[in-house]
């Protein structure tokens, strides 16, 4: 009984941390797909200077640890006079990090669409923007959906990194409670919360993949 009472005591605190985790997740995720699509198209068909800059961007953001990126923006930027709220800075880092991966996923997906599709659209009198929006991008989404879903699921777990910059997410809340009470119960609850979140997202994305392949 004492165990159940303890769990009911700390659960409201854990739910507040969960709220922060979910806010961070969706604040990061909302811009990822638009940025990934735009950057992918520019990497394939943009001017050379733009392609060069995007190559540097994807190379740097995919080639360095996410935690280091957080530290640079949170603790490094203030040194040069750029002060951002921790939540905004962290959400921006997560967004740019995942967008770098989605850019490469979408670039590969767009590049894998048969070239005959472009020629057919040209014969039908479609402009280049119409060809991309109506024909190429929808097909690319189906190809890119599975790896993009994996990145979205990984992002849920990556949000736990904000605990090191003292944002009160699920992980930081669990750590604080465990240090205060010298019990591991809060860690177990955090473990279960993340497991439920990722399981839900796996089910959701599996459903999306089935819906996408149903039109093939």
C-alpha atoms as a PDB file:
ATOM      1  CA  UNK A   1       0.000   0.000   0.000  1.00  0.00           C
ATOM      2  CA  UNK A   2       2.853   2.354   0.860  1.00  0.00           C
ATOM      3  CA  UNK A   3       4.319   1.759  -2.618  1.00  0.00           C
ATOM      4  CA  UNK A   4       1.035   2.666  -4.329  1.00  0.00           C
ATOM      5  CA  UNK A   5       0.709   5.789  -2.187  1.00  0.00           C
ATOM      6  CA  UNK A   6       4.247   6.812  -3.114  1.00  0.00           C
ATOM      7  CA  UNK A   7       3.540   6.311  -6.829  1.00  0.00           C
ATOM      8  CA  UNK A   8       0.345   8.389  -6.621  1.00  0.00           C
ATOM      9  CA  UNK A   9       2.359  11.096  -4.838  1.00  0.00           C
ATOM     10  CA  UNK A  10       5.056  11.440  -7.501  1.00  0.00           C
ATOM     11  CA  UNK A  11       2.885  10.712 -10.543  1.00  0.00           C
ATOM     12  CA  UNK A  12       1.524  14.297 -10.879  1.00  0.00           C
ATOM     13  CA  UNK A  13       5.120  15.582 -10.993  1.00  0.00           C
ATOM     14  CA  UNK A  14       5.977  13.009 -13.650  1.00  0.00           C
ATOM     15  CA  UNK A  15       2.942  14.094 -15.688  1.00  0.00           C
ATOM     16  CA  UNK A  16       4.164  17.696 -15.617  1.00  0.00           C
ATOM     17  CA  UNK A  17       7.495  16.441 -16.952  1.00  0.00           C
ATOM     18  CA  UNK A  18       5.633  14.462 -19.604  1.00  0.00           C
ATOM     19  CA  UNK A  19       3.909  17.675 -20.690  1.00  0.00           C
ATOM     20  CA  UNK A  20       7.296  19.312 -21.249  1.00  0.00           C
ATOM     21  CA  UNK A  21       8.534  16.265 -23.186  1.00  0.00           C
ATOM     22  CA  UNK A  22       5.499  16.279 -25.474  1.00  0.00           C
ATOM     23  CA  UNK A  23       5.713  20.034 -26.040  1.00  0.00           C
ATOM     24  CA  UNK A  24       9.383  19.686 -26.957  1.00  0.00           C
ATOM     25  CA  UNK A  25       8.633  16.788 -29.281  1.00  0.00           C
ATOM     26  CA  UNK A  26       5.858  18.457 -31.253  1.00  0.00           C
ATOM     27  CA  UNK A  27       7.550  21.869 -31.290  1.00  0.00           C
ATOM     28  CA  UNK A  28      10.548  20.163 -32.910  1.00  0.00           C
ATOM     29  CA  UNK A  29       8.581  17.889 -35.231  1.00  0.00           C
ATOM     30  CA  UNK A  30       6.187  20.425 -36.743  1.00  0.00           C
ATOM     31  CA  UNK A  31       8.814  22.069 -38.971  1.00  0.00           C
ATOM     32  CA  UNK A  32      10.867  18.978 -39.803  1.00  0.00           C
ATOM     33  CA  UNK A  33       8.960  17.671 -42.824  1.00  0.00           C
ATOM     34  CA  UNK A  34       8.537  21.044 -44.592  1.00  0.00           C
ATOM     35  CA  UNK A  35      12.227  21.843 -44.074  1.00  0.00           C
ATOM     36  CA  UNK A  36      13.287  18.363 -45.164  1.00  0.00           C
ATOM     37  CA  UNK A  37      11.268  18.559 -48.394  1.00  0.00           C
ATOM     38  CA  UNK A  38      12.412  22.091 -49.262  1.00  0.00           C
ATOM     39  CA  UNK A  39      16.069  21.346 -48.499  1.00  0.00           C
ATOM     40  CA  UNK A  40      15.932  18.077 -50.459  1.00  0.00           C
ATOM     41  CA  UNK A  41      14.557  19.803 -53.558  1.00  0.00           C
ATOM     42  CA  UNK A  42      17.166  22.546 -53.268  1.00  0.00           C
ATOM     43  CA  UNK A  43      19.948  19.979 -52.875  1.00  0.00           C
ATOM     44  CA  UNK A  44      18.818  18.314 -56.091  1.00  0.00           C
ATOM     45  CA  UNK A  45      17.873  21.292 -58.229  1.00  0.00           C
ATOM     46  CA  UNK A  46      18.974  24.499 -56.499  1.00  0.00           C
ATOM     47  CA  UNK A  47      21.817  26.840 -57.441  1.00  0.00           C
ATOM     48  CA  UNK A  48      25.323  25.580 -56.733  1.00  0.00           C
ATOM     49  CA  UNK A  49      25.960  27.898 -53.748  1.00  0.00           C
ATOM     50  CA  UNK A  50      22.719  26.699 -52.125  1.00  0.00           C
ATOM     51  CA  UNK A  51      23.634  23.072 -52.779  1.00  0.00           C
ATOM     52  CA  UNK A  52      27.043  23.673 -51.239  1.00  0.00           C
ATOM     53  CA  UNK A  53      25.555  25.267 -48.106  1.00  0.00           C
ATOM     54  CA  UNK A  54      23.030  22.451 -47.688  1.00  0.00           C
ATOM     55  CA  UNK A  55      25.753  19.850 -48.132  1.00  0.00           C
ATOM     56  CA  UNK A  56      27.685  21.537 -45.319  1.00  0.00           C
ATOM     57  CA  UNK A  57      24.518  21.659 -43.180  1.00  0.00           C
ATOM     58  CA  UNK A  58      23.632  17.963 -43.552  1.00  0.00           C
ATOM     59  CA  UNK A  59      27.274  16.925 -43.161  1.00  0.00           C
ATOM     60  CA  UNK A  60      27.733  18.927 -39.942  1.00  0.00           C
ATOM     61  CA  UNK A  61      24.406  18.149 -38.267  1.00  0.00           C
ATOM     62  CA  UNK A  62      24.478  14.435 -39.048  1.00  0.00           C
ATOM     63  CA  UNK A  63      28.171  14.084 -38.263  1.00  0.00           C
ATOM     64  CA  UNK A  64      28.243  15.531 -34.742  1.00  0.00           C
ATOM     65  CA  UNK A  65      26.595  14.409 -31.482  1.00  0.00           C
ATOM     66  CA  UNK A  66      23.182  15.882 -30.749  1.00  0.00           C
ATOM     67  CA  UNK A  67      24.244  16.562 -27.163  1.00  0.00           C
ATOM     68  CA  UNK A  68      27.196  18.642 -28.368  1.00  0.00           C
ATOM     69  CA  UNK A  69      24.875  20.608 -30.659  1.00  0.00           C
ATOM     70  CA  UNK A  70      22.654  21.360 -27.652  1.00  0.00           C
ATOM     71  CA  UNK A  71      25.626  22.552 -25.611  1.00  0.00           C
ATOM     72  CA  UNK A  72      26.858  24.829 -28.401  1.00  0.00           C
ATOM     73  CA  UNK A  73      23.476  26.529 -28.811  1.00  0.00           C
ATOM     74  CA  UNK A  74      22.525  26.654 -25.113  1.00  0.00           C
ATOM     75  CA  UNK A  75      25.898  27.539 -23.590  1.00  0.00           C
ATOM     76  CA  UNK A  76      28.013  28.665 -26.537  1.00  0.00           C
ATOM     77  CA  UNK A  77      25.695  31.139 -28.240  1.00  0.00           C
ATOM     78  CA  UNK A  78      25.386  33.401 -25.155  1.00  0.00           C
ATOM     79  CA  UNK A  79      29.159  33.901 -25.304  1.00  0.00           C
ATOM     80  CA  UNK A  80      28.703  35.625 -28.687  1.00  0.00           C
ATOM     81  CA  UNK A  81      25.664  37.562 -27.456  1.00  0.00           C
ATOM     82  CA  UNK A  82      22.883  35.269 -28.697  1.00  0.00           C
ATOM     83  CA  UNK A  83      20.578  34.411 -25.807  1.00  0.00           C
ATOM     84  CA  UNK A  84      17.628  32.148 -26.522  1.00  0.00           C
ATOM     85  CA  UNK A  85      15.149  30.635 -24.070  1.00  0.00           C
ATOM     86  CA  UNK A  86      16.268  27.092 -23.319  1.00  0.00           C
ATOM     87  CA  UNK A  87      13.055  25.545 -24.619  1.00  0.00           C
ATOM     88  CA  UNK A  88      13.212  27.447 -27.925  1.00  0.00           C
ATOM     89  CA  UNK A  89      16.915  26.727 -28.359  1.00  0.00           C
ATOM     90  CA  UNK A  90      16.505  23.012 -27.639  1.00  0.00           C
ATOM     91  CA  UNK A  91      13.484  22.681 -29.945  1.00  0.00           C
ATOM     92  CA  UNK A  92      15.456  24.444 -32.693  1.00  0.00           C
ATOM     93  CA  UNK A  93      18.400  22.078 -32.276  1.00  0.00           C
ATOM     94  CA  UNK A  94      16.169  19.002 -32.405  1.00  0.00           C
ATOM     95  CA  UNK A  95      14.369  20.377 -35.452  1.00  0.00           C
ATOM     96  CA  UNK A  96      17.560  21.153 -37.368  1.00  0.00           C
ATOM     97  CA  UNK A  97      19.136  17.852 -36.400  1.00  0.00           C
ATOM     98  CA  UNK A  98      16.201  15.743 -37.556  1.00  0.00           C
ATOM     99  CA  UNK A  99      15.683  17.927 -40.637  1.00  0.00           C
ATOM    100  CA  UNK A 100      19.225  17.086 -41.749  1.00  0.00           C
ATOM    101  CA  UNK A 101      18.347  13.382 -41.733  1.00  0.00           C
ATOM    102  CA  UNK A 102      14.951  13.922 -43.376  1.00  0.00           C
ATOM    103  CA  UNK A 103      16.606  16.074 -46.054  1.00  0.00           C
ATOM    104  CA  UNK A 104      18.819  13.162 -47.074  1.00  0.00           C
ATOM    105  CA  UNK A 105      15.907  10.712 -46.864  1.00  0.00           C
ATOM    106  CA  UNK A 106      13.727  12.909 -49.087  1.00  0.00           C
ATOM    107  CA  UNK A 107      16.598  13.631 -51.477  1.00  0.00           C
ATOM    108  CA  UNK A 108      17.108   9.918 -52.004  1.00  0.00           C
ATOM    109  CA  UNK A 109      13.347   9.353 -52.325  1.00  0.00           C
ATOM    110  CA  UNK A 110      12.887  12.124 -54.904  1.00  0.00           C
ATOM    111  CA  UNK A 111      15.930  10.902 -56.817  1.00  0.00           C
ATOM    112  CA  UNK A 112      14.535   7.368 -56.931  1.00  0.00           C
ATOM    113  CA  UNK A 113      11.332   8.375 -58.760  1.00  0.00           C
ATOM    114  CA  UNK A 114      11.539   7.184 -62.336  1.00  0.00           C
ATOM    115  CA  UNK A 115      12.676   9.896 -64.782  1.00  0.00           C
ATOM    116  CA  UNK A 116       9.861   8.877 -67.100  1.00  0.00           C
ATOM    117  CA  UNK A 117       7.468  10.532 -64.648  1.00  0.00           C
ATOM    118  CA  UNK A 118       9.030  13.914 -65.401  1.00  0.00           C
ATOM    119  CA  UNK A 119       8.824  13.327 -69.145  1.00  0.00           C
ATOM    120  CA  UNK A 120       5.194  12.220 -68.916  1.00  0.00           C
ATOM    121  CA  UNK A 121       4.306  15.361 -66.952  1.00  0.00           C
ATOM    122  CA  UNK A 122       6.092  17.510 -69.542  1.00  0.00           C
ATOM    123  CA  UNK A 123       4.084  15.869 -72.331  1.00  0.00           C
ATOM    124  CA  UNK A 124       0.882  16.572 -70.384  1.00  0.00           C
ATOM    125  CA  UNK A 125       1.818  20.244 -70.190  1.00  0.00           C
ATOM    126  CA  UNK A 126       2.483  20.383 -66.449  1.00  0.00           C
ATOM    127  CA  UNK A 127       4.919  22.999 -65.239  1.00  0.00           C
ATOM    128  CA  UNK A 128       7.892  22.006 -63.103  1.00  0.00           C
ATOM    129  CA  UNK A 129       6.245  23.134 -59.807  1.00  0.00           C
ATOM    130  CA  UNK A 130       3.069  21.258 -60.761  1.00  0.00           C
ATOM    131  CA  UNK A 131       5.108  18.160 -61.583  1.00  0.00           C
ATOM    132  CA  UNK A 132       6.838  18.244 -58.203  1.00  0.00           C
ATOM    133  CA  UNK A 133       3.722  19.007 -56.140  1.00  0.00           C
ATOM    134  CA  UNK A 134       1.256  16.708 -57.899  1.00  0.00           C
ATOM    135  CA  UNK A 135       3.384  13.773 -59.015  1.00  0.00           C
ATOM    136  CA  UNK A 136       6.939  13.553 -57.669  1.00  0.00           C
ATOM    137  CA  UNK A 137       6.539  14.654 -54.031  1.00  0.00           C
ATOM    138  CA  UNK A 138       3.522  12.377 -53.294  1.00  0.00           C
ATOM    139  CA  UNK A 139       5.417   9.372 -54.651  1.00  0.00           C
ATOM    140  CA  UNK A 140       8.510  10.400 -52.707  1.00  0.00           C
ATOM    141  CA  UNK A 141       6.520  10.545 -49.468  1.00  0.00           C
ATOM    142  CA  UNK A 142       5.581   6.875 -49.816  1.00  0.00           C
ATOM    143  CA  UNK A 143       9.209   5.914 -50.364  1.00  0.00           C
ATOM    144  CA  UNK A 144      10.489   8.125 -47.549  1.00  0.00           C
ATOM    145  CA  UNK A 145       7.793   7.268 -44.994  1.00  0.00           C
ATOM    146  CA  UNK A 146       9.424   4.244 -43.263  1.00  0.00           C
ATOM    147  CA  UNK A 147      12.842   5.853 -42.581  1.00  0.00           C
ATOM    148  CA  UNK A 148      11.180   9.169 -41.679  1.00  0.00           C
ATOM    149  CA  UNK A 149       8.965   7.359 -39.175  1.00  0.00           C
ATOM    150  CA  UNK A 150      12.059   5.811 -37.610  1.00  0.00           C
ATOM    151  CA  UNK A 151      13.592   9.258 -37.181  1.00  0.00           C
ATOM    152  CA  UNK A 152      10.372  10.552 -35.605  1.00  0.00           C
ATOM    153  CA  UNK A 153      10.408   7.695 -33.113  1.00  0.00           C
ATOM    154  CA  UNK A 154      14.076   8.307 -32.297  1.00  0.00           C
ATOM    155  CA  UNK A 155      13.252  11.945 -31.631  1.00  0.00           C
ATOM    156  CA  UNK A 156      11.002  10.932 -28.731  1.00  0.00           C
ATOM    157  CA  UNK A 157      13.969   9.279 -27.013  1.00  0.00           C
ATOM    158  CA  UNK A 158      16.327  12.118 -27.959  1.00  0.00           C
ATOM    159  CA  UNK A 159      14.153  14.637 -26.104  1.00  0.00           C
ATOM    160  CA  UNK A 160      15.493  13.104 -22.878  1.00  0.00           C
ATOM    161  CA  UNK A 161      18.733  14.988 -23.583  1.00  0.00           C
ATOM    162  CA  UNK A 162      17.093  18.246 -22.469  1.00  0.00           C
ATOM    163  CA  UNK A 163      17.449  16.933 -18.917  1.00  0.00           C
ATOM    164  CA  UNK A 164      21.157  17.883 -19.036  1.00  0.00           C
ATOM    165  CA  UNK A 165      20.245  21.546 -19.608  1.00  0.00           C
ATOM    166  CA  UNK A 166      17.845  21.474 -16.634  1.00  0.00           C
ATOM    167  CA  UNK A 167      14.576  21.553 -18.528  1.00  0.00           C
ATOM    168  CA  UNK A 168      12.007  19.731 -16.408  1.00  0.00           C
ATOM    169  CA  UNK A 169      11.083  16.957 -18.791  1.00  0.00           C
ATOM    170  CA  UNK A 170      10.246  13.383 -17.800  1.00  0.00           C
ATOM    171  CA  UNK A 171      13.907  12.403 -17.365  1.00  0.00           C
ATOM    172  CA  UNK A 172      14.974  15.435 -15.307  1.00  0.00           C
ATOM    173  CA  UNK A 173      11.879  15.085 -13.135  1.00  0.00           C
ATOM    174  CA  UNK A 174      12.691  11.420 -12.533  1.00  0.00           C
ATOM    175  CA  UNK A 175      16.292  12.254 -11.634  1.00  0.00           C
ATOM    176  CA  UNK A 176      15.265  14.966  -9.192  1.00  0.00           C
ATOM    177  CA  UNK A 177      12.717  12.737  -7.475  1.00  0.00           C
ATOM    178  CA  UNK A 178      15.170   9.834  -7.251  1.00  0.00           C
ATOM    179  CA  UNK A 179      17.883  12.071  -5.766  1.00  0.00           C
ATOM    180  CA  UNK A 180      15.406  13.530  -3.283  1.00  0.00           C
ATOM    181  CA  UNK A 181      13.823  10.275  -2.123  1.00  0.00           C
ATOM    182  CA  UNK A 182      16.696   7.845  -2.794  1.00  0.00           C
ATOM    183  CA  UNK A 183      14.337   5.496  -4.616  1.00  0.00           C
ATOM    184  CA  UNK A 184      14.379   4.272  -8.223  1.00  0.00           C
ATOM    185  CA  UNK A 185      10.611   4.257  -8.660  1.00  0.00           C
ATOM    186  CA  UNK A 186      10.647   7.501 -10.656  1.00  0.00           C
ATOM    187  CA  UNK A 187      13.161   5.977 -13.088  1.00  0.00           C
ATOM    188  CA  UNK A 188      10.875   2.998 -13.618  1.00  0.00           C
ATOM    189  CA  UNK A 189       7.918   5.312 -14.265  1.00  0.00           C
ATOM    190  CA  UNK A 190       9.988   7.325 -16.771  1.00  0.00           C
ATOM    191  CA  UNK A 191      11.012   4.050 -18.429  1.00  0.00           C
ATOM    192  CA  UNK A 192       7.361   3.023 -18.773  1.00  0.00           C
ATOM    193  CA  UNK A 193       6.318   6.466 -20.066  1.00  0.00           C
ATOM    194  CA  UNK A 194       8.914   6.422 -22.854  1.00  0.00           C
ATOM    195  CA  UNK A 195       8.074   2.824 -23.694  1.00  0.00           C
ATOM    196  CA  UNK A 196       4.378   3.695 -24.018  1.00  0.00           C
ATOM    197  CA  UNK A 197       5.129   6.789 -26.116  1.00  0.00           C
ATOM    198  CA  UNK A 198       7.398   4.970 -28.547  1.00  0.00           C
ATOM    199  CA  UNK A 199       5.001   2.001 -28.754  1.00  0.00           C
ATOM    200  CA  UNK A 200       2.147   4.336 -29.613  1.00  0.00           C
ATOM    201  CA  UNK A 201       4.214   6.078 -32.288  1.00  0.00           C
ATOM    202  CA  UNK A 202       5.298   2.724 -33.767  1.00  0.00           C
ATOM    203  CA  UNK A 203       1.644   1.681 -34.053  1.00  0.00           C
ATOM    204  CA  UNK A 204       0.705   5.045 -35.559  1.00  0.00           C
ATOM    205  CA  UNK A 205       3.469   4.986 -38.159  1.00  0.00           C
ATOM    206  CA  UNK A 206       2.785   1.342 -39.030  1.00  0.00           C
ATOM    207  CA  UNK A 207      -0.789   2.396 -39.737  1.00  0.00           C
ATOM    208  CA  UNK A 208       0.405   5.305 -41.880  1.00  0.00           C
ATOM    209  CA  UNK A 209       2.699   3.013 -43.855  1.00  0.00           C
ATOM    210  CA  UNK A 210      -0.160   0.585 -44.499  1.00  0.00           C
ATOM    211  CA  UNK A 211      -2.405   3.441 -45.646  1.00  0.00           C
ATOM    212  CA  UNK A 212       0.333   4.709 -47.979  1.00  0.00           C
ATOM    213  CA  UNK A 213       1.017   1.308 -49.530  1.00  0.00           C
ATOM    214  CA  UNK A 214      -2.716   0.666 -49.957  1.00  0.00           C
ATOM    215  CA  UNK A 215      -2.684   3.167 -52.847  1.00  0.00           C
ATOM    216  CA  UNK A 216       0.151   1.434 -54.708  1.00  0.00           C
END
